[in-house]
């Protein structure tokens, strides 16, 4: 088991360390360009090619999507209660509790721990997360609902196109499949390197608050993930993926939205850094818990 856990954690840690070291050594890393490359081309192609490559069980897909929605609803309810009790700004800190880092960290872990079948289920969580993050998440942060943000997002169009093909049983031409698979291949390594770059550039502000919010995200994610998995009778890969994705740290997107709408971005950045660092410590225990259930 220790070697299995190391095989999953080491690639994630090494790729993130490369990004961190790259910045600390003084080399330039164009984050806006890389982010656009990943969200505009890589991730949409990864979603499309993965689901076209894997024999998708429609019922398993629906069940995972339903579980994701339930988890996000519970994250929202718990987040509102706790943040209000602590008298913290909901618009600044609630989205980071609802939408964990299921992309940069979650997808690589799903793939490395559970293979292609795990990646497909991890992408199901990711797809639902993206749709609601760019609608509900931005609405919470900005104070207004903007459907245009979602409609401009290439990942949204990849999601609905993929769903149409899945539910109609349609197969794309080989050249389309090969092209999207090739382009999707750079997504996960770049996500991890970009995560390392973010850790190098962000700084922790309000340490006590950042610690509390980070522990809340990781602890709440695990408890909700386990609870929903039990409630819905998940076993094997599906159970492991749900718990893993729910237990991810605070996403970099939370910081980007905080910057865009001026919702305490420095403090949100601190929670991104600290929750990610803490997750590297909790990840071995998390994998030890989920891997034997496959």
C-alpha atoms as a PDB file:
ATOM      1  CA  UNK A   1       0.000   0.000   0.000  1.00  0.00           C
ATOM      2  CA  UNK A   2       2.751   2.602   0.756  1.00  0.00           C
ATOM      3  CA  UNK A   3       4.187   2.096  -2.734  1.00  0.00           C
ATOM      4  CA  UNK A   4       0.730   2.455  -4.309  1.00  0.00           C
ATOM      5  CA  UNK A   5       0.186   5.713  -2.445  1.00  0.00           C
ATOM      6  CA  UNK A   6       3.649   6.971  -3.435  1.00  0.00           C
ATOM      7  CA  UNK A   7       2.935   6.114  -7.090  1.00  0.00           C
ATOM      8  CA  UNK A   8      -0.118   8.399  -6.967  1.00  0.00           C
ATOM      9  CA  UNK A   9       1.310  11.254  -4.906  1.00  0.00           C
ATOM     10  CA  UNK A  10       4.815  11.501  -6.408  1.00  0.00           C
ATOM     11  CA  UNK A  11       3.798  12.622  -9.948  1.00  0.00           C
ATOM     12  CA  UNK A  12       1.419  15.224  -8.510  1.00  0.00           C
ATOM     13  CA  UNK A  13       4.014  16.561  -6.092  1.00  0.00           C
ATOM     14  CA  UNK A  14       6.872  16.551  -8.641  1.00  0.00           C
ATOM     15  CA  UNK A  15       4.847  18.404 -11.311  1.00  0.00           C
ATOM     16  CA  UNK A  16       3.713  21.017  -8.780  1.00  0.00           C
ATOM     17  CA  UNK A  17       7.294  21.314  -7.510  1.00  0.00           C
ATOM     18  CA  UNK A  18       8.488  21.973 -11.063  1.00  0.00           C
ATOM     19  CA  UNK A  19       6.103  24.914 -11.330  1.00  0.00           C
ATOM     20  CA  UNK A  20       7.082  26.202  -7.894  1.00  0.00           C
ATOM     21  CA  UNK A  21      10.823  25.894  -8.648  1.00  0.00           C
ATOM     22  CA  UNK A  22      10.400  27.484 -12.084  1.00  0.00           C
ATOM     23  CA  UNK A  23       9.112  30.700 -10.531  1.00  0.00           C
ATOM     24  CA  UNK A  24      11.557  30.691  -7.605  1.00  0.00           C
ATOM     25  CA  UNK A  25      14.466  30.355 -10.064  1.00  0.00           C
ATOM     26  CA  UNK A  26      13.296  33.555 -11.741  1.00  0.00           C
ATOM     27  CA  UNK A  27      11.938  32.142 -15.002  1.00  0.00           C
ATOM     28  CA  UNK A  28       8.846  33.659 -16.566  1.00  0.00           C
ATOM     29  CA  UNK A  29       5.560  31.766 -16.495  1.00  0.00           C
ATOM     30  CA  UNK A  30       2.699  33.395 -18.388  1.00  0.00           C
ATOM     31  CA  UNK A  31      -0.186  32.319 -16.160  1.00  0.00           C
ATOM     32  CA  UNK A  32      -2.974  34.047 -18.151  1.00  0.00           C
ATOM     33  CA  UNK A  33      -1.782  32.366 -21.366  1.00  0.00           C
ATOM     34  CA  UNK A  34      -1.439  28.920 -19.753  1.00  0.00           C
ATOM     35  CA  UNK A  35      -4.817  29.263 -18.036  1.00  0.00           C
ATOM     36  CA  UNK A  36      -6.444  30.195 -21.345  1.00  0.00           C
ATOM     37  CA  UNK A  37      -4.680  27.290 -23.064  1.00  0.00           C
ATOM     38  CA  UNK A  38      -5.904  24.810 -20.439  1.00  0.00           C
ATOM     39  CA  UNK A  39      -9.468  26.092 -20.027  1.00  0.00           C
ATOM     40  CA  UNK A  40      -9.974  27.009 -23.677  1.00  0.00           C
ATOM     41  CA  UNK A  41      -8.407  24.030 -25.428  1.00  0.00           C
ATOM     42  CA  UNK A  42      -6.901  21.388 -23.148  1.00  0.00           C
ATOM     43  CA  UNK A  43      -9.692  20.740 -20.642  1.00  0.00           C
ATOM     44  CA  UNK A  44     -12.522  20.747 -23.243  1.00  0.00           C
ATOM     45  CA  UNK A  45     -10.552  18.258 -25.352  1.00  0.00           C
ATOM     46  CA  UNK A  46      -9.780  16.126 -22.287  1.00  0.00           C
ATOM     47  CA  UNK A  47     -13.473  15.968 -21.360  1.00  0.00           C
ATOM     48  CA  UNK A  48     -14.488  15.040 -24.895  1.00  0.00           C
ATOM     49  CA  UNK A  49     -11.748  12.501 -25.634  1.00  0.00           C
ATOM     50  CA  UNK A  50     -11.969  10.751 -22.255  1.00  0.00           C
ATOM     51  CA  UNK A  51     -15.687  10.112 -22.477  1.00  0.00           C
ATOM     52  CA  UNK A  52     -15.385   9.008 -26.092  1.00  0.00           C
ATOM     53  CA  UNK A  53     -12.587   6.567 -25.152  1.00  0.00           C
ATOM     54  CA  UNK A  54     -14.277   5.031 -22.110  1.00  0.00           C
ATOM     55  CA  UNK A  55     -17.347   2.847 -22.296  1.00  0.00           C
ATOM     56  CA  UNK A  56     -19.578   5.126 -20.211  1.00  0.00           C
ATOM     57  CA  UNK A  57     -22.300   3.610 -18.062  1.00  0.00           C
ATOM     58  CA  UNK A  58     -25.111   6.150 -18.405  1.00  0.00           C
ATOM     59  CA  UNK A  59     -26.602   5.263 -15.031  1.00  0.00           C
ATOM     60  CA  UNK A  60     -23.201   5.588 -13.328  1.00  0.00           C
ATOM     61  CA  UNK A  61     -22.761   8.969 -15.002  1.00  0.00           C
ATOM     62  CA  UNK A  62     -26.195  10.166 -13.806  1.00  0.00           C
ATOM     63  CA  UNK A  63     -25.597   8.871 -10.291  1.00  0.00           C
ATOM     64  CA  UNK A  64     -22.209  10.588  -9.981  1.00  0.00           C
ATOM     65  CA  UNK A  65     -23.664  13.860 -11.307  1.00  0.00           C
ATOM     66  CA  UNK A  66     -26.520  13.613  -8.768  1.00  0.00           C
ATOM     67  CA  UNK A  67     -24.050  12.902  -5.959  1.00  0.00           C
ATOM     68  CA  UNK A  68     -21.994  15.923  -7.015  1.00  0.00           C
ATOM     69  CA  UNK A  69     -25.040  18.185  -6.846  1.00  0.00           C
ATOM     70  CA  UNK A  70     -25.939  16.849  -3.401  1.00  0.00           C
ATOM     71  CA  UNK A  71     -22.389  17.411  -2.148  1.00  0.00           C
ATOM     72  CA  UNK A  72     -22.352  20.987  -3.438  1.00  0.00           C
ATOM     73  CA  UNK A  73     -25.724  21.658  -1.788  1.00  0.00           C
ATOM     74  CA  UNK A  74     -24.374  20.383   1.535  1.00  0.00           C
ATOM     75  CA  UNK A  75     -21.168  22.404   1.146  1.00  0.00           C
ATOM     76  CA  UNK A  76     -23.310  25.489   0.546  1.00  0.00           C
ATOM     77  CA  UNK A  77     -25.557  24.923   3.564  1.00  0.00           C
ATOM     78  CA  UNK A  78     -22.675  24.140   5.934  1.00  0.00           C
ATOM     79  CA  UNK A  79     -20.600  27.003   4.551  1.00  0.00           C
ATOM     80  CA  UNK A  80     -23.363  29.559   5.053  1.00  0.00           C
ATOM     81  CA  UNK A  81     -23.989  28.461   8.655  1.00  0.00           C
ATOM     82  CA  UNK A  82     -20.309  28.407   9.662  1.00  0.00           C
ATOM     83  CA  UNK A  83     -19.265  31.582   7.850  1.00  0.00           C
ATOM     84  CA  UNK A  84     -22.243  33.524   9.198  1.00  0.00           C
ATOM     85  CA  UNK A  85     -21.498  32.287  12.712  1.00  0.00           C
ATOM     86  CA  UNK A  86     -17.891  33.445  12.269  1.00  0.00           C
ATOM     87  CA  UNK A  87     -19.107  36.755  10.795  1.00  0.00           C
ATOM     88  CA  UNK A  88     -17.090  36.293   7.616  1.00  0.00           C
ATOM     89  CA  UNK A  89     -17.936  37.691   4.179  1.00  0.00           C
ATOM     90  CA  UNK A  90     -20.014  35.084   2.342  1.00  0.00           C
ATOM     91  CA  UNK A  91     -19.253  36.546  -1.084  1.00  0.00           C
ATOM     92  CA  UNK A  92     -15.523  36.307  -0.477  1.00  0.00           C
ATOM     93  CA  UNK A  93     -15.248  32.921   1.228  1.00  0.00           C
ATOM     94  CA  UNK A  94     -18.337  30.812   0.446  1.00  0.00           C
ATOM     95  CA  UNK A  95     -17.421  29.839  -3.158  1.00  0.00           C
ATOM     96  CA  UNK A  96     -14.072  28.440  -2.003  1.00  0.00           C
ATOM     97  CA  UNK A  97     -15.917  26.099   0.355  1.00  0.00           C
ATOM     98  CA  UNK A  98     -18.391  24.931  -2.302  1.00  0.00           C
ATOM     99  CA  UNK A  99     -16.039  24.392  -5.252  1.00  0.00           C
ATOM    100  CA  UNK A 100     -12.815  22.516  -4.358  1.00  0.00           C
ATOM    101  CA  UNK A 101      -9.829  22.084  -6.643  1.00  0.00           C
ATOM    102  CA  UNK A 102     -11.261  19.146  -8.601  1.00  0.00           C
ATOM    103  CA  UNK A 103      -9.343  20.200 -11.724  1.00  0.00           C
ATOM    104  CA  UNK A 104      -5.666  20.968 -11.039  1.00  0.00           C
ATOM    105  CA  UNK A 105      -5.399  18.408  -8.220  1.00  0.00           C
ATOM    106  CA  UNK A 106      -8.500  16.252  -8.443  1.00  0.00           C
ATOM    107  CA  UNK A 107      -8.241  15.042 -12.040  1.00  0.00           C
ATOM    108  CA  UNK A 108      -4.584  13.938 -11.849  1.00  0.00           C
ATOM    109  CA  UNK A 109      -5.326  12.027  -8.650  1.00  0.00           C
ATOM    110  CA  UNK A 110      -8.410  10.386 -10.164  1.00  0.00           C
ATOM    111  CA  UNK A 111      -6.358   9.232 -13.149  1.00  0.00           C
ATOM    112  CA  UNK A 112      -3.326   8.046 -11.199  1.00  0.00           C
ATOM    113  CA  UNK A 113      -5.323   6.319  -8.461  1.00  0.00           C
ATOM    114  CA  UNK A 114      -8.146   4.778 -10.497  1.00  0.00           C
ATOM    115  CA  UNK A 115      -7.127   4.815 -14.163  1.00  0.00           C
ATOM    116  CA  UNK A 116      -9.313   5.785 -17.127  1.00  0.00           C
ATOM    117  CA  UNK A 117     -12.546   4.686 -15.442  1.00  0.00           C
ATOM    118  CA  UNK A 118     -11.695   6.884 -12.471  1.00  0.00           C
ATOM    119  CA  UNK A 119     -10.813   9.806 -14.728  1.00  0.00           C
ATOM    120  CA  UNK A 120     -14.211   9.557 -16.445  1.00  0.00           C
ATOM    121  CA  UNK A 121     -16.050   9.698 -13.108  1.00  0.00           C
ATOM    122  CA  UNK A 122     -13.715  12.432 -11.890  1.00  0.00           C
ATOM    123  CA  UNK A 123     -14.513  14.413 -15.017  1.00  0.00           C
ATOM    124  CA  UNK A 124     -18.220  13.958 -14.298  1.00  0.00           C
ATOM    125  CA  UNK A 125     -17.718  15.729 -10.973  1.00  0.00           C
ATOM    126  CA  UNK A 126     -15.520  18.292 -12.724  1.00  0.00           C
ATOM    127  CA  UNK A 127     -18.130  18.975 -15.422  1.00  0.00           C
ATOM    128  CA  UNK A 128     -20.909  19.629 -12.904  1.00  0.00           C
ATOM    129  CA  UNK A 129     -18.505  21.725 -10.841  1.00  0.00           C
ATOM    130  CA  UNK A 130     -17.560  23.883 -13.849  1.00  0.00           C
ATOM    131  CA  UNK A 131     -21.180  24.582 -14.819  1.00  0.00           C
ATOM    132  CA  UNK A 132     -22.157  25.669 -11.312  1.00  0.00           C
ATOM    133  CA  UNK A 133     -18.909  27.489 -10.562  1.00  0.00           C
ATOM    134  CA  UNK A 134     -19.373  29.741 -13.600  1.00  0.00           C
ATOM    135  CA  UNK A 135     -23.015  30.441 -12.706  1.00  0.00           C
ATOM    136  CA  UNK A 136     -23.745  30.063  -8.991  1.00  0.00           C
ATOM    137  CA  UNK A 137     -20.134  30.665  -7.956  1.00  0.00           C
ATOM    138  CA  UNK A 138     -19.757  33.894  -9.905  1.00  0.00           C
ATOM    139  CA  UNK A 139     -23.231  34.995  -8.794  1.00  0.00           C
ATOM    140  CA  UNK A 140     -22.232  34.626  -5.138  1.00  0.00           C
ATOM    141  CA  UNK A 141     -18.933  36.464  -5.604  1.00  0.00           C
ATOM    142  CA  UNK A 142     -20.229  39.252  -7.853  1.00  0.00           C
ATOM    143  CA  UNK A 143     -23.698  39.610  -6.351  1.00  0.00           C
ATOM    144  CA  UNK A 144     -25.377  39.125  -9.722  1.00  0.00           C
ATOM    145  CA  UNK A 145     -26.163  36.243 -12.047  1.00  0.00           C
ATOM    146  CA  UNK A 146     -24.373  36.297 -15.418  1.00  0.00           C
ATOM    147  CA  UNK A 147     -25.209  33.401 -17.716  1.00  0.00           C
ATOM    148  CA  UNK A 148     -22.907  34.963 -20.298  1.00  0.00           C
ATOM    149  CA  UNK A 149     -19.868  33.849 -18.252  1.00  0.00           C
ATOM    150  CA  UNK A 150     -20.897  30.233 -18.722  1.00  0.00           C
ATOM    151  CA  UNK A 151     -21.838  30.608 -22.378  1.00  0.00           C
ATOM    152  CA  UNK A 152     -18.403  32.056 -23.150  1.00  0.00           C
ATOM    153  CA  UNK A 153     -16.645  29.153 -21.462  1.00  0.00           C
ATOM    154  CA  UNK A 154     -15.377  26.511 -23.943  1.00  0.00           C
ATOM    155  CA  UNK A 155     -15.651  23.824 -21.245  1.00  0.00           C
ATOM    156  CA  UNK A 156     -19.403  24.333 -21.094  1.00  0.00           C
ATOM    157  CA  UNK A 157     -19.718  23.678 -24.827  1.00  0.00           C
ATOM    158  CA  UNK A 158     -17.483  20.616 -24.519  1.00  0.00           C
ATOM    159  CA  UNK A 159     -19.790  19.362 -21.735  1.00  0.00           C
ATOM    160  CA  UNK A 160     -23.049  19.655 -23.656  1.00  0.00           C
ATOM    161  CA  UNK A 161     -21.547  18.263 -26.862  1.00  0.00           C
ATOM    162  CA  UNK A 162     -20.102  15.303 -24.950  1.00  0.00           C
ATOM    163  CA  UNK A 163     -23.423  14.672 -23.217  1.00  0.00           C
ATOM    164  CA  UNK A 164     -25.274  14.682 -26.538  1.00  0.00           C
ATOM    165  CA  UNK A 165     -22.892  12.107 -27.988  1.00  0.00           C
ATOM    166  CA  UNK A 166     -23.025   9.937 -24.841  1.00  0.00           C
ATOM    167  CA  UNK A 167     -26.790   9.840 -24.604  1.00  0.00           C
ATOM    168  CA  UNK A 168     -27.291   9.284 -28.346  1.00  0.00           C
ATOM    169  CA  UNK A 169     -24.552   6.656 -28.550  1.00  0.00           C
ATOM    170  CA  UNK A 170     -22.811   8.589 -31.341  1.00  0.00           C
ATOM    171  CA  UNK A 171     -19.130   8.056 -32.055  1.00  0.00           C
ATOM    172  CA  UNK A 172     -17.001  10.907 -33.486  1.00  0.00           C
ATOM    173  CA  UNK A 173     -14.783  10.358 -36.541  1.00  0.00           C
ATOM    174  CA  UNK A 174     -11.351   8.916 -35.777  1.00  0.00           C
ATOM    175  CA  UNK A 175      -9.582  12.151 -36.735  1.00  0.00           C
ATOM    176  CA  UNK A 176     -11.685  14.119 -34.231  1.00  0.00           C
ATOM    177  CA  UNK A 177     -11.027  11.580 -31.484  1.00  0.00           C
ATOM    178  CA  UNK A 178      -7.290  11.487 -32.180  1.00  0.00           C
ATOM    179  CA  UNK A 179      -6.984  15.280 -32.319  1.00  0.00           C
ATOM    180  CA  UNK A 180      -8.871  15.896 -29.067  1.00  0.00           C
ATOM    181  CA  UNK A 181      -6.962  13.109 -27.334  1.00  0.00           C
ATOM    182  CA  UNK A 182      -3.649  14.645 -28.400  1.00  0.00           C
ATOM    183  CA  UNK A 183      -4.650  18.146 -27.280  1.00  0.00           C
ATOM    184  CA  UNK A 184      -6.200  16.907 -24.049  1.00  0.00           C
ATOM    185  CA  UNK A 185      -2.927  15.185 -23.156  1.00  0.00           C
ATOM    186  CA  UNK A 186      -1.173  18.374 -22.084  1.00  0.00           C
ATOM    187  CA  UNK A 187      -3.955  19.417 -19.702  1.00  0.00           C
ATOM    188  CA  UNK A 188      -3.142  17.494 -16.533  1.00  0.00           C
ATOM    189  CA  UNK A 189       0.639  18.185 -16.475  1.00  0.00           C
ATOM    190  CA  UNK A 190       0.064  21.887 -17.172  1.00  0.00           C
ATOM    191  CA  UNK A 191      -2.631  22.062 -14.469  1.00  0.00           C
ATOM    192  CA  UNK A 192      -0.196  20.700 -11.902  1.00  0.00           C
ATOM    193  CA  UNK A 193       2.677  22.936 -13.001  1.00  0.00           C
ATOM    194  CA  UNK A 194       0.354  25.966 -12.893  1.00  0.00           C
ATOM    195  CA  UNK A 195      -0.709  24.927  -9.384  1.00  0.00           C
ATOM    196  CA  UNK A 196       2.942  24.985  -8.301  1.00  0.00           C
ATOM    197  CA  UNK A 197       3.385  28.421  -9.876  1.00  0.00           C
ATOM    198  CA  UNK A 198       0.363  29.700  -7.928  1.00  0.00           C
ATOM    199  CA  UNK A 199       1.806  28.374  -4.666  1.00  0.00           C
ATOM    200  CA  UNK A 200       5.055  30.225  -5.385  1.00  0.00           C
ATOM    201  CA  UNK A 201       3.341  33.516  -6.163  1.00  0.00           C
ATOM    202  CA  UNK A 202       0.546  33.640  -3.574  1.00  0.00           C
ATOM    203  CA  UNK A 203       1.152  34.751  -0.012  1.00  0.00           C
ATOM    204  CA  UNK A 204      -0.656  33.872   3.192  1.00  0.00           C
ATOM    205  CA  UNK A 205      -2.498  36.744   4.817  1.00  0.00           C
ATOM    206  CA  UNK A 206      -4.439  36.426   8.093  1.00  0.00           C
ATOM    207  CA  UNK A 207      -2.787  33.126   9.061  1.00  0.00           C
ATOM    208  CA  UNK A 208      -5.287  32.156  11.756  1.00  0.00           C
ATOM    209  CA  UNK A 209      -8.269  32.674   9.443  1.00  0.00           C
ATOM    210  CA  UNK A 210      -6.560  30.897   6.547  1.00  0.00           C
ATOM    211  CA  UNK A 211      -5.826  27.886   8.751  1.00  0.00           C
ATOM    212  CA  UNK A 212      -9.439  27.717   9.946  1.00  0.00           C
ATOM    213  CA  UNK A 213     -10.911  28.003   6.447  1.00  0.00           C
ATOM    214  CA  UNK A 214      -8.435  25.479   5.043  1.00  0.00           C
ATOM    215  CA  UNK A 215      -9.168  22.911   7.737  1.00  0.00           C
ATOM    216  CA  UNK A 216     -12.881  23.518   7.233  1.00  0.00           C
ATOM    217  CA  UNK A 217     -12.625  22.868   3.463  1.00  0.00           C
ATOM    218  CA  UNK A 218     -10.615  19.674   3.823  1.00  0.00           C
ATOM    219  CA  UNK A 219     -12.522  18.301   6.819  1.00  0.00           C
ATOM    220  CA  UNK A 220     -15.975  19.186   5.523  1.00  0.00           C
ATOM    221  CA  UNK A 221     -15.119  17.778   2.097  1.00  0.00           C
ATOM    222  CA  UNK A 222     -14.097  14.410   3.498  1.00  0.00           C
ATOM    223  CA  UNK A 223     -17.069  14.105   5.863  1.00  0.00           C
ATOM    224  CA  UNK A 224     -19.604  15.108   3.198  1.00  0.00           C
ATOM    225  CA  UNK A 225     -17.954  12.856   0.602  1.00  0.00           C
ATOM    226  CA  UNK A 226     -18.073   9.823   2.893  1.00  0.00           C
ATOM    227  CA  UNK A 227     -21.619  10.609   4.005  1.00  0.00           C
ATOM    228  CA  UNK A 228     -23.013  11.012   0.486  1.00  0.00           C
ATOM    229  CA  UNK A 229     -21.153   7.914  -0.705  1.00  0.00           C
ATOM    230  CA  UNK A 230     -22.778   5.923   2.100  1.00  0.00           C
ATOM    231  CA  UNK A 231     -26.195   7.457   1.477  1.00  0.00           C
ATOM    232  CA  UNK A 232     -26.113   6.631  -2.236  1.00  0.00           C
ATOM    233  CA  UNK A 233     -24.583   3.196  -1.789  1.00  0.00           C
ATOM    234  CA  UNK A 234     -21.391   3.951  -3.732  1.00  0.00           C
ATOM    235  CA  UNK A 235     -18.766   1.223  -3.878  1.00  0.00           C
ATOM    236  CA  UNK A 236     -15.351   0.714  -5.484  1.00  0.00           C
ATOM    237  CA  UNK A 237     -14.159   3.340  -7.953  1.00  0.00           C
ATOM    238  CA  UNK A 238     -17.259   5.548  -7.682  1.00  0.00           C
ATOM    239  CA  UNK A 239     -16.932   5.743  -3.897  1.00  0.00           C
ATOM    240  CA  UNK A 240     -13.223   6.521  -4.078  1.00  0.00           C
ATOM    241  CA  UNK A 241     -13.673   9.223  -6.731  1.00  0.00           C
ATOM    242  CA  UNK A 242     -16.490  10.995  -4.888  1.00  0.00           C
ATOM    243  CA  UNK A 243     -14.579  11.104  -1.597  1.00  0.00           C
ATOM    244  CA  UNK A 244     -11.365  12.142  -3.343  1.00  0.00           C
ATOM    245  CA  UNK A 245     -12.932  14.989  -5.314  1.00  0.00           C
ATOM    246  CA  UNK A 246     -14.899  16.264  -2.310  1.00  0.00           C
ATOM    247  CA  UNK A 247     -11.739  16.326  -0.187  1.00  0.00           C
ATOM    248  CA  UNK A 248      -9.683  18.554  -2.483  1.00  0.00           C
ATOM    249  CA  UNK A 249      -8.310  21.911  -1.258  1.00  0.00           C
ATOM    250  CA  UNK A 250      -9.502  25.373  -2.241  1.00  0.00           C
ATOM    251  CA  UNK A 251      -9.339  26.014  -5.986  1.00  0.00           C
ATOM    252  CA  UNK A 252      -7.252  28.713  -7.659  1.00  0.00           C
ATOM    253  CA  UNK A 253     -10.452  29.778  -9.479  1.00  0.00           C
ATOM    254  CA  UNK A 254     -11.752  31.081  -6.135  1.00  0.00           C
ATOM    255  CA  UNK A 255      -8.835  33.503  -6.056  1.00  0.00           C
ATOM    256  CA  UNK A 256      -9.335  34.541  -9.690  1.00  0.00           C
ATOM    257  CA  UNK A 257     -13.010  35.347  -9.057  1.00  0.00           C
ATOM    258  CA  UNK A 258     -12.075  37.207  -5.851  1.00  0.00           C
ATOM    259  CA  UNK A 259      -9.633  39.344  -7.845  1.00  0.00           C
ATOM    260  CA  UNK A 260     -12.142  39.976 -10.613  1.00  0.00           C
ATOM    261  CA  UNK A 261     -14.854  41.192  -8.207  1.00  0.00           C
ATOM    262  CA  UNK A 262     -12.541  42.582  -5.499  1.00  0.00           C
ATOM    263  CA  UNK A 263     -13.671  40.238  -2.716  1.00  0.00           C
ATOM    264  CA  UNK A 264     -10.627  40.134  -0.412  1.00  0.00           C
ATOM    265  CA  UNK A 265      -8.346  38.473  -2.969  1.00  0.00           C
ATOM    266  CA  UNK A 266      -5.242  38.519  -0.728  1.00  0.00           C
ATOM    267  CA  UNK A 267      -7.048  36.592   2.015  1.00  0.00           C
ATOM    268  CA  UNK A 268      -8.548  34.124  -0.472  1.00  0.00           C
ATOM    269  CA  UNK A 269      -5.077  33.581  -1.961  1.00  0.00           C
ATOM    270  CA  UNK A 270      -3.821  32.669   1.512  1.00  0.00           C
ATOM    271  CA  UNK A 271      -6.484  29.988   1.875  1.00  0.00           C
ATOM    272  CA  UNK A 272      -5.559  28.545  -1.541  1.00  0.00           C
ATOM    273  CA  UNK A 273      -1.899  28.213  -0.530  1.00  0.00           C
ATOM    274  CA  UNK A 274      -2.487  26.864   2.958  1.00  0.00           C
ATOM    275  CA  UNK A 275      -5.246  24.407   2.053  1.00  0.00           C
ATOM    276  CA  UNK A 276      -3.086  23.031  -0.782  1.00  0.00           C
ATOM    277  CA  UNK A 277      -0.057  22.625   1.476  1.00  0.00           C
ATOM    278  CA  UNK A 278      -2.198  20.923   4.128  1.00  0.00           C
ATOM    279  CA  UNK A 279      -3.666  18.632   1.477  1.00  0.00           C
ATOM    280  CA  UNK A 280      -0.181  17.341   0.629  1.00  0.00           C
ATOM    281  CA  UNK A 281       0.022  16.226   4.266  1.00  0.00           C
ATOM    282  CA  UNK A 282      -3.466  14.692   4.377  1.00  0.00           C
ATOM    283  CA  UNK A 283      -3.312  13.107   0.914  1.00  0.00           C
ATOM    284  CA  UNK A 284      -1.492   9.911   1.998  1.00  0.00           C
ATOM    285  CA  UNK A 285      -4.186   9.246   4.619  1.00  0.00           C
ATOM    286  CA  UNK A 286      -6.933  10.056   2.130  1.00  0.00           C
ATOM    287  CA  UNK A 287      -5.498   7.653  -0.457  1.00  0.00           C
ATOM    288  CA  UNK A 288      -4.960   5.005   2.220  1.00  0.00           C
ATOM    289  CA  UNK A 289      -8.677   5.291   2.970  1.00  0.00           C
ATOM    290  CA  UNK A 290     -10.016   5.196  -0.580  1.00  0.00           C
ATOM    291  CA  UNK A 291      -7.605   2.883  -2.420  1.00  0.00           C
ATOM    292  CA  UNK A 292      -8.468  -0.361  -0.588  1.00  0.00           C
ATOM    293  CA  UNK A 293     -12.122   0.103  -1.513  1.00  0.00           C
ATOM    294  CA  UNK A 294     -11.494  -0.423  -5.224  1.00  0.00           C
END
